[in-house]
Amino acid sequence: MGQILAIDYGKARCGIAATDDMQLIASGLDTVDTRFLIDFLKKYVSENKVDEVVIGLPIDLKGNISEVETDILKFIEVFKKEFSDIAVHRFDERFTSKMASFFISQSGKSKKKRQEKGLIDKVSATIILQNFLEQRLR
């Protein structure tokens, strides 16, 4: 069994989270400049067994898809060409950034660290992945 990765895709940067090899625990992995995401994934996949990837589905409170979805769909096309053997799933990412900000604020980190957008992206990816794992158990 291999890992599951989650990507909180953004125009500037992407938060990445990964499970352990038993697919039980989601952990924040990194924040990557979006321009270098495929290169990061190539290196990561060459060093780790990855079975699946979960990519956030950006839906607003009214149920509308965010405009970043166009970029995400282009990314998914490239991803599927590069990693044809890795299954791609989408998962609703509503509230993950707000939840990430809350969890970070409760962690005792300094104000400067709490406002670091890269940390929020990484924690958001972790929340997406944890929610995906929990949904599988239902």
Protein backbone atom coordinates (compact mmCIF):
# COMPACT_ATOMS: atom_id res chain seq x y z
CA MET A 1 0.00 0.00 0.00
CA GLY A 2 1.25 3.47 -0.84
CA GLN A 3 0.56 6.98 0.34
CA ILE A 4 -2.26 9.32 -0.54
CA LEU A 5 -1.28 12.92 -1.27
CA ALA A 6 -3.55 15.94 -0.95
CA ILE A 7 -3.06 19.21 -2.79
CA ASP A 8 -4.58 22.51 -1.75
CA TYR A 9 -4.07 24.12 -5.16
CA GLY A 10 -3.58 27.86 -5.43
CA LYS A 11 -2.51 30.24 -8.18
CA ALA A 12 0.70 31.18 -6.35
CA ARG A 13 1.44 28.19 -4.14
CA CYS A 14 0.09 24.78 -3.20
CA GLY A 15 -0.11 23.12 0.17
CA ILE A 16 0.75 19.42 0.15
CA ALA A 17 -0.09 16.74 2.70
CA ALA A 18 0.56 13.00 2.71
CA THR A 19 -0.59 9.93 4.56
CA ASP A 20 1.64 7.30 6.04
CA ASP A 21 2.03 4.13 3.97
CA MET A 22 -0.90 2.52 5.81
CA GLN A 23 -3.11 5.48 4.79
CA LEU A 24 -4.17 6.13 8.38
CA ILE A 25 -2.67 9.50 9.32
CA ALA A 26 -2.60 12.76 7.34
CA SER A 27 0.41 15.02 7.88
CA GLY A 28 1.43 18.33 6.37
CA LEU A 29 4.27 17.80 3.92
CA ASP A 30 5.27 21.08 2.27
CA THR A 31 4.20 24.24 0.50
CA VAL A 32 5.35 24.50 -3.11
CA ASP A 33 5.34 27.36 -5.60
CA THR A 34 2.66 26.35 -8.11
CA ARG A 35 5.10 26.79 -11.01
CA PHE A 36 7.23 23.98 -9.56
CA LEU A 37 4.44 21.65 -8.42
CA ILE A 38 4.88 18.99 -11.13
CA ASP A 39 8.66 18.94 -10.57
CA PHE A 40 8.12 18.55 -6.82
CA LEU A 41 5.65 15.71 -7.41
CA LYS A 42 7.99 13.92 -9.85
CA LYS A 43 10.75 13.91 -7.24
CA TYR A 44 8.39 12.90 -4.43
CA VAL A 45 6.78 10.07 -6.41
CA SER A 46 10.21 8.78 -7.47
CA GLU A 47 11.15 8.47 -3.77
CA ASN A 48 7.79 7.32 -2.33
CA LYS A 49 5.00 4.97 -3.35
CA VAL A 50 1.92 7.09 -4.03
CA ASP A 51 -1.38 5.38 -4.84
CA GLU A 52 -3.76 8.33 -4.99
CA VAL A 53 -3.96 12.10 -4.94
CA VAL A 54 -6.78 14.24 -3.59
CA ILE A 55 -7.17 17.73 -5.00
CA GLY A 56 -9.34 20.31 -3.31
CA LEU A 57 -12.54 21.32 -5.06
CA PRO A 58 -12.94 25.09 -4.52
CA ILE A 59 -16.63 25.67 -3.85
CA ASP A 60 -17.87 28.87 -2.22
CA LEU A 61 -20.64 29.16 0.37
CA LYS A 62 -23.28 29.53 -2.35
CA GLY A 63 -22.17 26.31 -4.02
CA ASN A 64 -20.40 28.05 -6.92
CA ILE A 65 -17.06 26.85 -8.22
CA SER A 66 -14.21 29.33 -7.71
CA GLU A 67 -12.39 30.71 -10.75
CA VAL A 68 -9.17 28.88 -9.73
CA GLU A 69 -10.96 25.69 -10.84
CA THR A 70 -9.95 26.42 -14.45
CA ASP A 71 -6.28 26.28 -13.41
CA ILE A 72 -6.90 23.15 -11.33
CA LEU A 73 -8.47 21.34 -14.29
CA LYS A 74 -5.44 22.20 -16.46
CA PHE A 75 -3.16 20.93 -13.70
CA ILE A 76 -5.13 17.67 -13.45
CA GLU A 77 -4.69 17.09 -17.21
CA VAL A 78 -0.93 17.48 -16.87
CA PHE A 79 -0.88 15.36 -13.71
CA LYS A 80 -2.75 12.49 -15.40
CA LYS A 81 -0.29 12.52 -18.31
CA GLU A 82 2.73 12.47 -15.97
CA PHE A 83 1.30 10.02 -13.41
CA SER A 84 -1.21 7.88 -15.30
CA ASP A 85 -1.10 5.13 -12.65
CA ILE A 86 -2.10 7.44 -9.75
CA ALA A 87 -5.83 7.86 -9.13
CA VAL A 88 -7.10 11.44 -8.81
CA HIS A 89 -9.95 12.37 -6.48
CA ARG A 90 -11.61 15.72 -5.83
CA PHE A 91 -12.76 16.79 -2.39
CA ASP A 92 -14.76 19.81 -1.23
CA GLU A 93 -12.34 22.24 0.40
CA ARG A 94 -14.89 24.69 1.84
CA PHE A 95 -13.79 26.16 5.16
CA THR A 96 -10.36 24.47 5.13
CA SER A 97 -8.43 27.77 5.10
CA LYS A 98 -10.55 29.13 7.94
CA MET A 99 -10.15 25.89 9.88
CA ALA A 100 -6.41 25.91 9.21
CA SER A 101 -6.11 29.50 10.49
CA PHE A 102 -8.06 28.56 13.62
CA PHE A 103 -5.95 25.45 14.35
CA ILE A 104 -2.74 27.42 13.80
CA SER A 105 -3.96 30.20 16.13
CA GLN A 106 -4.66 27.58 18.81
CA SER A 107 -1.23 26.00 18.41
CA GLY A 108 0.67 28.70 20.30
CA LYS A 109 2.69 29.77 17.27
CA SER A 110 3.85 33.40 17.09
CA LYS A 111 1.63 35.92 15.32
CA LYS A 112 4.11 36.17 12.45
CA LYS A 113 4.16 32.38 12.02
CA ARG A 114 0.34 32.20 12.24
CA GLN A 115 0.00 34.70 9.37
CA GLU A 116 2.38 32.77 7.10
CA LYS A 117 0.25 31.84 4.09
CA GLY A 118 2.36 28.82 3.23
CA LEU A 119 1.65 27.29 6.61
CA ILE A 120 -2.07 27.85 6.11
CA ASP A 121 -1.88 26.12 2.71
CA LYS A 122 -0.05 23.11 4.16
CA VAL A 123 -2.49 22.78 7.06
CA SER A 124 -5.41 23.18 4.63
CA ALA A 125 -4.07 20.30 2.54
CA THR A 126 -3.81 18.23 5.72
CA ILE A 127 -7.44 18.99 6.61
CA ILE A 128 -8.58 18.05 3.09
CA LEU A 129 -6.71 14.77 3.34
CA GLN A 130 -7.94 13.97 6.85
CA ASN A 131 -11.55 14.66 5.81
CA PHE A 132 -11.07 12.46 2.73
CA LEU A 133 -9.76 9.61 4.92
CA GLU A 134 -12.65 9.99 7.37
CA GLN A 135 -15.20 9.91 4.55
CA ARG A 136 -13.75 6.61 3.34
CA LEU A 137 -14.42 5.07 6.73
CA ARG A 138 -18.15 5.89 6.64
